PDB file of N, CA and C in Angstrom:
ATOM      1  N   MET A   1       0.839  -1.162   0.000  1.00  0.00           N
ATOM      2  CA  MET A   1       0.000   0.000   0.000  1.00  0.00           C
ATOM      3  C   MET A   1       0.896   1.240   0.000  1.00  0.00           C
ATOM      4  N   SER A   2       0.599   2.140  -0.877  1.00  0.00           N
ATOM      5  CA  SER A   2       1.378   3.375  -0.943  1.00  0.00           C
ATOM      6  C   SER A   2       0.878   4.348   0.125  1.00  0.00           C
ATOM      7  N   LYS A   3       1.650   5.396   0.352  1.00  0.00           N
ATOM      8  CA  LYS A   3       1.269   6.394   1.343  1.00  0.00           C
ATOM      9  C   LYS A   3      -0.036   7.085   0.939  1.00  0.00           C
ATOM     10  N   THR A   4      -0.206   7.330  -0.350  1.00  0.00           N
ATOM     11  CA  THR A   4      -1.419   7.971  -0.848  1.00  0.00           C
ATOM     12  C   THR A   4      -2.632   7.086  -0.596  1.00  0.00           C
ATOM     13  N   GLU A   5      -2.495   5.795  -0.842  1.00  0.00           N
ATOM     14  CA  GLU A   5      -3.585   4.860  -0.578  1.00  0.00           C
ATOM     15  C   GLU A   5      -3.893   4.796   0.914  1.00  0.00           C
ATOM     16  N   PHE A   6      -2.847   4.799   1.733  1.00  0.00           N
ATOM     17  CA  PHE A   6      -3.016   4.773   3.187  1.00  0.00           C
ATOM     18  C   PHE A   6      -3.805   5.998   3.641  1.00  0.00           C
ATOM     19  N   ILE A   7      -3.456   7.163   3.119  1.00  0.00           N
ATOM     20  CA  ILE A   7      -4.151   8.406   3.473  1.00  0.00           C
ATOM     21  C   ILE A   7      -5.616   8.330   3.040  1.00  0.00           C
ATOM     22  N   ALA A   8      -5.876   7.771   1.863  1.00  0.00           N
ATOM     23  CA  ALA A   8      -7.250   7.627   1.378  1.00  0.00           C
ATOM     24  C   ALA A   8      -8.058   6.709   2.292  1.00  0.00           C
ATOM     25  N   HIS A   9      -7.445   5.621   2.780  1.00  0.00           N
ATOM     26  CA  HIS A   9      -8.124   4.707   3.700  1.00  0.00           C
ATOM     27  C   HIS A   9      -8.423   5.391   5.029  1.00  0.00           C
ATOM     28  N   VAL A  10      -7.471   6.170   5.537  1.00  0.00           N
ATOM     29  CA  VAL A  10      -7.677   6.901   6.790  1.00  0.00           C
ATOM     30  C   VAL A  10      -8.797   7.914   6.610  1.00  0.00           C
ATOM     31  N   ALA A  11      -8.818   8.606   5.479  1.00  0.00           N
ATOM     32  CA  ALA A  11      -9.860   9.601   5.207  1.00  0.00           C
ATOM     33  C   ALA A  11     -11.235   8.942   5.174  1.00  0.00           C
ATOM     34  N   ALA A  12     -11.326   7.793   4.525  1.00  0.00           N
ATOM     35  CA  ALA A  12     -12.612   7.098   4.428  1.00  0.00           C
ATOM     36  C   ALA A  12     -13.057   6.560   5.785  1.00  0.00           C
ATOM     37  N   ALA A  13     -12.129   5.971   6.530  1.00  0.00           N
ATOM     38  CA  ALA A  13     -12.469   5.377   7.825  1.00  0.00           C
ATOM     39  C   ALA A  13     -12.820   6.435   8.853  1.00  0.00           C
ATOM     40  N   GLY A  14     -12.177   7.576   8.792  1.00  0.00           N
ATOM     41  CA  GLY A  14     -12.391   8.636   9.781  1.00  0.00           C
ATOM     42  C   GLY A  14     -13.365   9.702   9.350  1.00  0.00           C
ATOM     43  N   ASP A  15     -13.976   9.524   8.182  1.00  0.00           N
ATOM     44  CA  ASP A  15     -14.891  10.522   7.624  1.00  0.00           C
ATOM     45  C   ASP A  15     -14.220  11.899   7.601  1.00  0.00           C
ATOM     46  N   LEU A  16     -12.988  11.930   7.049  1.00  0.00           N
ATOM     47  CA  LEU A  16     -12.193  13.143   6.952  1.00  0.00           C
ATOM     48  C   LEU A  16     -11.948  13.484   5.489  1.00  0.00           C
ATOM     49  N   SER A  17     -11.563  14.720   5.238  1.00  0.00           N
ATOM     50  CA  SER A  17     -11.125  15.065   3.890  1.00  0.00           C
ATOM     51  C   SER A  17      -9.717  14.498   3.698  1.00  0.00           C
ATOM     52  N   ASN A  18      -9.303  14.374   2.458  1.00  0.00           N
ATOM     53  CA  ASN A  18      -7.958  13.860   2.186  1.00  0.00           C
ATOM     54  C   ASN A  18      -6.888  14.774   2.790  1.00  0.00           C
ATOM     55  N   ALA A  19      -7.126  16.085   2.783  1.00  0.00           N
ATOM     56  CA  ALA A  19      -6.155  17.025   3.351  1.00  0.00           C
ATOM     57  C   ALA A  19      -6.017  16.823   4.856  1.00  0.00           C
ATOM     58  N   GLU A  20      -7.150  16.628   5.548  1.00  0.00           N
ATOM     59  CA  GLU A  20      -7.103  16.394   6.996  1.00  0.00           C
ATOM     60  C   GLU A  20      -6.419  15.062   7.316  1.00  0.00           C
ATOM     61  N   ALA A  21      -6.765  14.039   6.551  1.00  0.00           N
ATOM     62  CA  ALA A  21      -6.169  12.719   6.769  1.00  0.00           C
ATOM     63  C   ALA A  21      -4.668  12.768   6.509  1.00  0.00           C
ATOM     64  N   LYS A  22      -4.253  13.489   5.466  1.00  0.00           N
ATOM     65  CA  LYS A  22      -2.828  13.607   5.168  1.00  0.00           C
ATOM     66  C   LYS A  22      -2.103  14.292   6.320  1.00  0.00           C
ATOM     67  N   ARG A  23      -2.701  15.336   6.873  1.00  0.00           N
ATOM     68  CA  ARG A  23      -2.099  16.046   7.990  1.00  0.00           C
ATOM     69  C   ARG A  23      -1.960  15.126   9.206  1.00  0.00           C
ATOM     70  N   MET A  24      -2.971  14.322   9.469  1.00  0.00           N
ATOM     71  CA  MET A  24      -2.933  13.384  10.606  1.00  0.00           C
ATOM     72  C   MET A  24      -1.855  12.322  10.403  1.00  0.00           C
ATOM     73  N   VAL A  25      -1.797  11.747   9.211  1.00  0.00           N
ATOM     74  CA  VAL A  25      -0.798  10.716   8.922  1.00  0.00           C
ATOM     75  C   VAL A  25       0.606  11.304   9.022  1.00  0.00           C
ATOM     76  N   GLU A  26       0.794  12.501   8.494  1.00  0.00           N
ATOM     77  CA  GLU A  26       2.099  13.164   8.573  1.00  0.00           C
ATOM     78  C   GLU A  26       2.496  13.426  10.024  1.00  0.00           C
ATOM     79  N   LEU A  27       1.529  13.802  10.862  1.00  0.00           N
ATOM     80  CA  LEU A  27       1.810  14.025  12.285  1.00  0.00           C
ATOM     81  C   LEU A  27       2.264  12.735  12.964  1.00  0.00           C
ATOM     82  N   VAL A  28       1.570  11.634  12.685  1.00  0.00           N
ATOM     83  CA  VAL A  28       1.927  10.348  13.300  1.00  0.00           C
ATOM     84  C   VAL A  28       3.315   9.916  12.842  1.00  0.00           C
ATOM     85  N   PHE A  29       3.562   9.964  11.541  1.00  0.00           N
ATOM     86  CA  PHE A  29       4.877   9.566  11.022  1.00  0.00           C
ATOM     87  C   PHE A  29       5.978  10.477  11.563  1.00  0.00           C
ATOM     88  N   GLY A  30       5.677  11.762  11.670  1.00  0.00           N
ATOM     89  CA  GLY A  30       6.648  12.714  12.208  1.00  0.00           C
ATOM     90  C   GLY A  30       6.988  12.414  13.663  1.00  0.00           C
ATOM     91  N   GLU A  31       5.998  12.043  14.456  1.00  0.00           N
ATOM     92  CA  GLU A  31       6.245  11.716  15.859  1.00  0.00           C
ATOM     93  C   GLU A  31       7.033  10.422  16.002  1.00  0.00           C
ATOM     94  N   ILE A  32       6.791   9.457  15.123  1.00  0.00           N
ATOM     95  CA  ILE A  32       7.604   8.237  15.136  1.00  0.00           C
ATOM     96  C   ILE A  32       9.054   8.591  14.811  1.00  0.00           C
ATOM     97  N   GLU A  33       9.247   9.435  13.820  1.00  0.00           N
ATOM     98  CA  GLU A  33      10.598   9.875  13.452  1.00  0.00           C
ATOM     99  C   GLU A  33      11.274  10.614  14.613  1.00  0.00           C
ATOM    100  N   ASN A  34      10.545  11.514  15.268  1.00  0.00           N
ATOM    101  CA  ASN A  34      11.106  12.241  16.418  1.00  0.00           C
ATOM    102  C   ASN A  34      11.424  11.287  17.560  1.00  0.00           C
ATOM    103  N   GLY A  35      10.574  10.299  17.778  1.00  0.00           N
ATOM    104  CA  GLY A  35      10.819   9.313  18.816  1.00  0.00           C
ATOM    105  C   GLY A  35      12.070   8.506  18.541  1.00  0.00           C
ATOM    106  N   LEU A  36      12.306   8.176  17.277  1.00  0.00           N
ATOM    107  CA  LEU A  36      13.521   7.438  16.906  1.00  0.00           C
ATOM    108  C   LEU A  36      14.764   8.298  17.106  1.00  0.00           C
ATOM    109  N   LYS A  37      14.648   9.590  16.844  1.00  0.00           N
ATOM    110  CA  LYS A  37      15.785  10.483  17.076  1.00  0.00           C
ATOM    111  C   LYS A  37      16.117  10.546  18.562  1.00  0.00           C
ATOM    112  N   ARG A  38      15.077  10.591  19.407  1.00  0.00           N
ATOM    113  CA  ARG A  38      15.291  10.607  20.855  1.00  0.00           C
ATOM    114  C   ARG A  38      15.774   9.257  21.362  1.00  0.00           C
ATOM    115  N   ALA A  39      15.441   8.176  20.659  1.00  0.00           N
ATOM    116  CA  ALA A  39      15.785   6.819  21.105  1.00  0.00           C
ATOM    117  C   ALA A  39      17.231   6.457  20.812  1.00  0.00           C
ATOM    118  N   ARG A  40      17.988   7.352  20.230  1.00  0.00           N
ATOM    119  CA  ARG A  40      19.381   7.030  19.925  1.00  0.00           C
ATOM    120  C   ARG A  40      20.181   6.679  21.167  1.00  0.00           C
ATOM    121  N   GLN A  41      19.787   7.212  22.337  1.00  0.00           N
ATOM    122  CA  GLN A  41      20.521   6.934  23.566  1.00  0.00           C
ATOM    123  C   GLN A  41      20.307   5.494  24.026  1.00  0.00           C
ATOM    124  N   ASP A  42      19.058   5.070  24.181  1.00  0.00           N
ATOM    125  CA  ASP A  42      18.808   3.714  24.673  1.00  0.00           C
ATOM    126  C   ASP A  42      18.525   2.725  23.545  1.00  0.00           C
ATOM    127  N   GLY A  43      18.345   3.204  22.337  1.00  0.00           N
ATOM    128  CA  GLY A  43      18.208   2.327  21.179  1.00  0.00           C
ATOM    129  C   GLY A  43      16.847   1.698  20.998  1.00  0.00           C
ATOM    130  N   LYS A  44      15.800   2.204  21.683  1.00  0.00           N
ATOM    131  CA  LYS A  44      14.486   1.590  21.613  1.00  0.00           C
ATOM    132  C   LYS A  44      13.372   2.620  21.581  1.00  0.00           C
ATOM    133  N   LEU A  45      12.346   2.344  20.785  1.00  0.00           N
ATOM    134  CA  LEU A  45      11.126   3.139  20.781  1.00  0.00           C
ATOM    135  C   LEU A  45       9.964   2.161  20.786  1.00  0.00           C
ATOM    136  N   THR A  46       9.197   2.166  21.875  1.00  0.00           N
ATOM    137  CA  THR A  46       8.053   1.272  21.982  1.00  0.00           C
ATOM    138  C   THR A  46       6.779   2.079  21.864  1.00  0.00           C
ATOM    139  N   ILE A  47       5.901   1.620  20.975  1.00  0.00           N
ATOM    140  CA  ILE A  47       4.606   2.259  20.789  1.00  0.00           C
ATOM    141  C   ILE A  47       3.545   1.204  21.098  1.00  0.00           C
ATOM    142  N   GLY A  48       2.958   1.306  22.279  1.00  0.00           N
ATOM    143  CA  GLY A  48       1.915   0.428  22.808  1.00  0.00           C
ATOM    144  C   GLY A  48       1.505  -0.760  21.970  1.00  0.00           C
ATOM    145  N   THR A  49       0.391  -0.656  21.289  1.00  0.00           N
ATOM    146  CA  THR A  49      -0.163  -1.783  20.544  1.00  0.00           C
ATOM    147  C   THR A  49       0.390  -1.905  19.128  1.00  0.00           C
ATOM    148  N   LEU A  50       1.357  -1.081  18.778  1.00  0.00           N
ATOM    149  CA  LEU A  50       1.982  -1.169  17.455  1.00  0.00           C
ATOM    150  C   LEU A  50       3.195  -2.085  17.489  1.00  0.00           C
ATOM    151  N   GLY A  51       4.170  -1.774  18.340  1.00  0.00           N
ATOM    152  CA  GLY A  51       5.361  -2.599  18.434  1.00  0.00           C
ATOM    153  C   GLY A  51       6.558  -1.806  18.906  1.00  0.00           C
ATOM    154  N   THR A  52       7.742  -2.400  18.713  1.00  0.00           N
ATOM    155  CA  THR A  52       8.981  -1.797  19.183  1.00  0.00           C
ATOM    156  C   THR A  52       9.960  -1.645  18.032  1.00  0.00           C
ATOM    157  N   PHE A  53      10.476  -0.433  17.875  1.00  0.00           N
ATOM    158  CA  PHE A  53      11.547  -0.162  16.926  1.00  0.00           C
ATOM    159  C   PHE A  53      12.851  -0.231  17.716  1.00  0.00           C
ATOM    160  N   THR A  54      13.845  -0.941  17.196  1.00  0.00           N
ATOM    161  CA  THR A  54      15.134  -1.067  17.864  1.00  0.00           C
ATOM    162  C   THR A  54      16.239  -0.638  16.913  1.00  0.00           C
ATOM    163  N   ILE A  55      17.132   0.224  17.407  1.00  0.00           N
ATOM    164  CA  ILE A  55      18.286   0.651  16.614  1.00  0.00           C
ATOM    165  C   ILE A  55      19.425  -0.308  16.923  1.00  0.00           C
ATOM    166  N   THR A  56      19.989  -0.909  15.877  1.00  0.00           N
ATOM    167  CA  THR A  56      21.060  -1.889  16.064  1.00  0.00           C
ATOM    168  C   THR A  56      22.362  -1.370  15.468  1.00  0.00           C
ATOM    169  N   ASP A  57      23.461  -1.815  16.032  1.00  0.00           N
ATOM    170  CA  ASP A  57      24.788  -1.485  15.512  1.00  0.00           C
ATOM    171  C   ASP A  57      25.324  -2.680  14.751  1.00  0.00           C
ATOM    172  N   ARG A  58      25.750  -2.445  13.528  1.00  0.00           N
ATOM    173  CA  ARG A  58      26.382  -3.493  12.736  1.00  0.00           C
ATOM    174  C   ARG A  58      27.883  -3.230  12.729  1.00  0.00           C
ATOM    175  N   PRO A  59      28.683  -4.187  13.194  1.00  0.00           N
ATOM    176  CA  PRO A  59      30.133  -3.963  13.239  1.00  0.00           C
ATOM    177  C   PRO A  59      30.748  -3.982  11.837  1.00  0.00           C
ATOM    178  N   ALA A  60      31.958  -3.470  11.738  1.00  0.00           N
ATOM    179  CA  ALA A  60      32.696  -3.535  10.470  1.00  0.00           C
ATOM    180  C   ALA A  60      32.988  -5.002  10.170  1.00  0.00           C
ATOM    181  N   ARG A  61      33.017  -5.330   8.902  1.00  0.00           N
ATOM    182  CA  ARG A  61      33.298  -6.723   8.526  1.00  0.00           C
ATOM    183  C   ARG A  61      33.899  -6.775   7.132  1.00  0.00           C
ATOM    184  N   THR A  62      34.357  -7.956   6.781  1.00  0.00           N
ATOM    185  CA  THR A  62      34.908  -8.180   5.457  1.00  0.00           C
ATOM    186  C   THR A  62      33.870  -8.924   4.632  1.00  0.00           C
ATOM    187  N   GLY A  63      33.631  -8.428   3.431  1.00  0.00           N
ATOM    188  CA  GLY A  63      32.680  -9.074   2.526  1.00  0.00           C
ATOM    189  C   GLY A  63      33.359  -9.407   1.207  1.00  0.00           C
ATOM    190  N   ARG A  64      32.570  -9.865   0.272  1.00  0.00           N
ATOM    191  CA  ARG A  64      33.105 -10.203  -1.051  1.00  0.00           C
ATOM    192  C   ARG A  64      32.304  -9.490  -2.125  1.00  0.00           C
ATOM    193  N   HIS A  65      33.033  -8.978  -3.119  1.00  0.00           N
ATOM    194  CA  HIS A  65      32.397  -8.368  -4.282  1.00  0.00           C
ATOM    195  C   HIS A  65      31.722  -9.505  -5.049  1.00  0.00           C
ATOM    196  N   PRO A  66      30.423  -9.408  -5.337  1.00  0.00           N
ATOM    197  CA  PRO A  66      29.718 -10.535  -5.953  1.00  0.00           C
ATOM    198  C   PRO A  66      30.223 -10.933  -7.346  1.00  0.00           C
ATOM    199  N   ARG A  67      30.695  -9.977  -8.125  1.00  0.00           N
ATOM    200  CA  ARG A  67      31.156 -10.310  -9.475  1.00  0.00           C
ATOM    201  C   ARG A  67      32.571 -10.864  -9.495  1.00  0.00           C
ATOM    202  N   THR A  68      33.455 -10.196  -8.758  1.00  0.00           N
ATOM    203  CA  THR A  68      34.871 -10.548  -8.855  1.00  0.00           C
ATOM    204  C   THR A  68      35.336 -11.488  -7.755  1.00  0.00           C
ATOM    205  N   GLY A  69      34.568 -11.569  -6.661  1.00  0.00           N
ATOM    206  CA  GLY A  69      34.995 -12.394  -5.537  1.00  0.00           C
ATOM    207  C   GLY A  69      36.065 -11.728  -4.685  1.00  0.00           C
ATOM    208  N   GLU A  70      36.438 -10.503  -5.026  1.00  0.00           N
ATOM    209  CA  GLU A  70      37.470  -9.766  -4.299  1.00  0.00           C
ATOM    210  C   GLU A  70      36.953  -9.387  -2.908  1.00  0.00           C
ATOM    211  N   GLU A  71      37.826  -9.506  -1.899  1.00  0.00           N
ATOM    212  CA  GLU A  71      37.453  -9.120  -0.545  1.00  0.00           C
ATOM    213  C   GLU A  71      37.360  -7.600  -0.448  1.00  0.00           C
ATOM    214  N   ILE A  72      36.320  -7.140   0.257  1.00  0.00           N
ATOM    215  CA  ILE A  72      36.147  -5.704   0.469  1.00  0.00           C
ATOM    216  C   ILE A  72      35.833  -5.468   1.941  1.00  0.00           C
ATOM    217  N   ASN A  73      36.183  -4.293   2.431  1.00  0.00           N
ATOM    218  CA  ASN A  73      35.875  -3.924   3.809  1.00  0.00           C
ATOM    219  C   ASN A  73      34.535  -3.199   3.831  1.00  0.00           C
ATOM    220  N   ILE A  74      33.659  -3.637   4.724  1.00  0.00           N
ATOM    221  CA  ILE A  74      32.355  -3.012   4.883  1.00  0.00           C
ATOM    222  C   ILE A  74      32.382  -2.235   6.190  1.00  0.00           C
ATOM    223  N   ALA A  75      32.076  -0.954   6.111  1.00  0.00           N
ATOM    224  CA  ALA A  75      32.143  -0.060   7.265  1.00  0.00           C
ATOM    225  C   ALA A  75      31.043  -0.387   8.277  1.00  0.00           C
ATOM    226  N   PRO A  76      31.259  -0.039   9.550  1.00  0.00           N
ATOM    227  CA  PRO A  76      30.195  -0.227  10.533  1.00  0.00           C
ATOM    228  C   PRO A  76      29.007   0.675  10.203  1.00  0.00           C
ATOM    229  N   SER A  77      27.819   0.245  10.581  1.00  0.00           N
ATOM    230  CA  SER A  77      26.624   1.027  10.289  1.00  0.00           C
ATOM    231  C   SER A  77      25.559   0.761  11.338  1.00  0.00           C
ATOM    232  N   LYS A  78      24.490   1.480  11.241  1.00  0.00           N
ATOM    233  CA  LYS A  78      23.347   1.285  12.125  1.00  0.00           C
ATOM    234  C   LYS A  78      22.185   0.757  11.294  1.00  0.00           C
ATOM    235  N   GLY A  79      21.338  -0.018  11.939  1.00  0.00           N
ATOM    236  CA  GLY A  79      20.161  -0.556  11.278  1.00  0.00           C
ATOM    237  C   GLY A  79      18.936  -0.338  12.144  1.00  0.00           C
ATOM    238  N   LEU A  80      17.767  -0.512  11.571  1.00  0.00           N
ATOM    239  CA  LEU A  80      16.521  -0.341  12.298  1.00  0.00           C
ATOM    240  C   LEU A  80      15.713  -1.627  12.167  1.00  0.00           C
ATOM    241  N   ARG A  81      15.285  -2.151  13.292  1.00  0.00           N
ATOM    242  CA  ARG A  81      14.464  -3.363  13.307  1.00  0.00           C
ATOM    243  C   ARG A  81      13.124  -3.028  13.938  1.00  0.00           C
ATOM    244  N   PHE A  82      12.098  -3.762  13.523  1.00  0.00           N
ATOM    245  CA  PHE A  82      10.760  -3.571  14.071  1.00  0.00           C
ATOM    246  C   PHE A  82      10.234  -4.915  14.540  1.00  0.00           C
ATOM    247  N   ARG A  83       9.757  -4.930  15.779  1.00  0.00           N
ATOM    248  CA  ARG A  83       9.136  -6.133  16.318  1.00  0.00           C
ATOM    249  C   ARG A  83       7.685  -5.780  16.635  1.00  0.00           C
ATOM    250  N   PRO A  84       6.730  -6.366  15.916  1.00  0.00           N
ATOM    251  CA  PRO A  84       5.332  -6.004  16.122  1.00  0.00           C
ATOM    252  C   PRO A  84       4.807  -6.481  17.473  1.00  0.00           C
ATOM    253  N   ALA A  85       3.833  -5.758  18.000  1.00  0.00           N
ATOM    254  CA  ALA A  85       3.179  -6.142  19.251  1.00  0.00           C
ATOM    255  C   ALA A  85       2.304  -7.370  18.993  1.00  0.00           C
ATOM    256  N   ALA A  86       1.956  -8.065  20.062  1.00  0.00           N
ATOM    257  CA  ALA A  86       1.186  -9.310  19.946  1.00  0.00           C
ATOM    258  C   ALA A  86      -0.148  -9.101  19.227  1.00  0.00           C
ATOM    259  N   CYS A  87      -0.857  -8.005  19.529  1.00  0.00           N
ATOM    260  CA  CYS A  87      -2.152  -7.786  18.884  1.00  0.00           C
ATOM    261  C   CYS A  87      -1.995  -7.496  17.393  1.00  0.00           C
ATOM    262  N   LEU A  88      -0.904  -6.875  17.006  1.00  0.00           N
ATOM    263  CA  LEU A  88      -0.652  -6.619  15.591  1.00  0.00           C
ATOM    264  C   LEU A  88      -0.330  -7.922  14.866  1.00  0.00           C
ATOM    265  N   LYS A  89       0.457  -8.780  15.523  1.00  0.00           N
ATOM    266  CA  LYS A  89       0.760 -10.082  14.948  1.00  0.00           C
ATOM    267  C   LYS A  89      -0.512 -10.924  14.809  1.00  0.00           C
ATOM    268  N   ALA A  90      -1.373 -10.858  15.794  1.00  0.00           N
ATOM    269  CA  ALA A  90      -2.623 -11.609  15.745  1.00  0.00           C
ATOM    270  C   ALA A  90      -3.513 -11.118  14.606  1.00  0.00           C
ATOM    271  N   ALA A  91      -3.531  -9.810  14.391  1.00  0.00           N
ATOM    272  CA  ALA A  91      -4.335  -9.240  13.301  1.00  0.00           C
ATOM    273  C   ALA A  91      -3.819  -9.712  11.942  1.00  0.00           C
ATOM    274  N   ALA A  92      -2.512  -9.950  11.850  1.00  0.00           N
ATOM    275  CA  ALA A  92      -1.924 -10.418  10.594  1.00  0.00           C
ATOM    276  C   ALA A  92      -1.994 -11.939  10.468  1.00  0.00           C
ATOM    277  N   GLY A  93      -2.449 -12.603  11.522  1.00  0.00           N
ATOM    278  CA  GLY A  93      -2.568 -14.059  11.483  1.00  0.00           C
ATOM    279  C   GLY A  93      -1.251 -14.768  11.739  1.00  0.00           C
ATOM    280  N   CYS A  94      -0.343 -14.139  12.433  1.00  0.00           N
ATOM    281  CA  CYS A  94       0.950 -14.749  12.737  1.00  0.00           C
ATOM    282  C   CYS A  94       0.958 -15.398  14.103  1.00  0.00           C
TER     283      CYS A  94
END
C-alpha cells in the first residue's frame, strides 16, 4: 500500500477530507521519526499496541564483491528493526 492509498483509507475510515487525513498521517509519522531520534541513547522506541523499533549497531566486517569475488571492507553502520506487538501479529494471522 502506498502512502497515498493509506491516506485515502484513513480519510474514508475517519470521515475526513484527504487534506485532513494527510495532515494526521504526517503528524503520526513525524512523531515516530522524532521518537527514533530521541531513542538514539537507549536504542528503543516502543509504541503500545503497534510494536517496538530497535536501533542496532552493525560492526565492520569483510565481505566479497559478488562479481569478482574480491574481498572488500564493509564499514560499521546502524540498522533499524521492528518487532510487532502481539495484537498486531494476531491481526496479521501470525
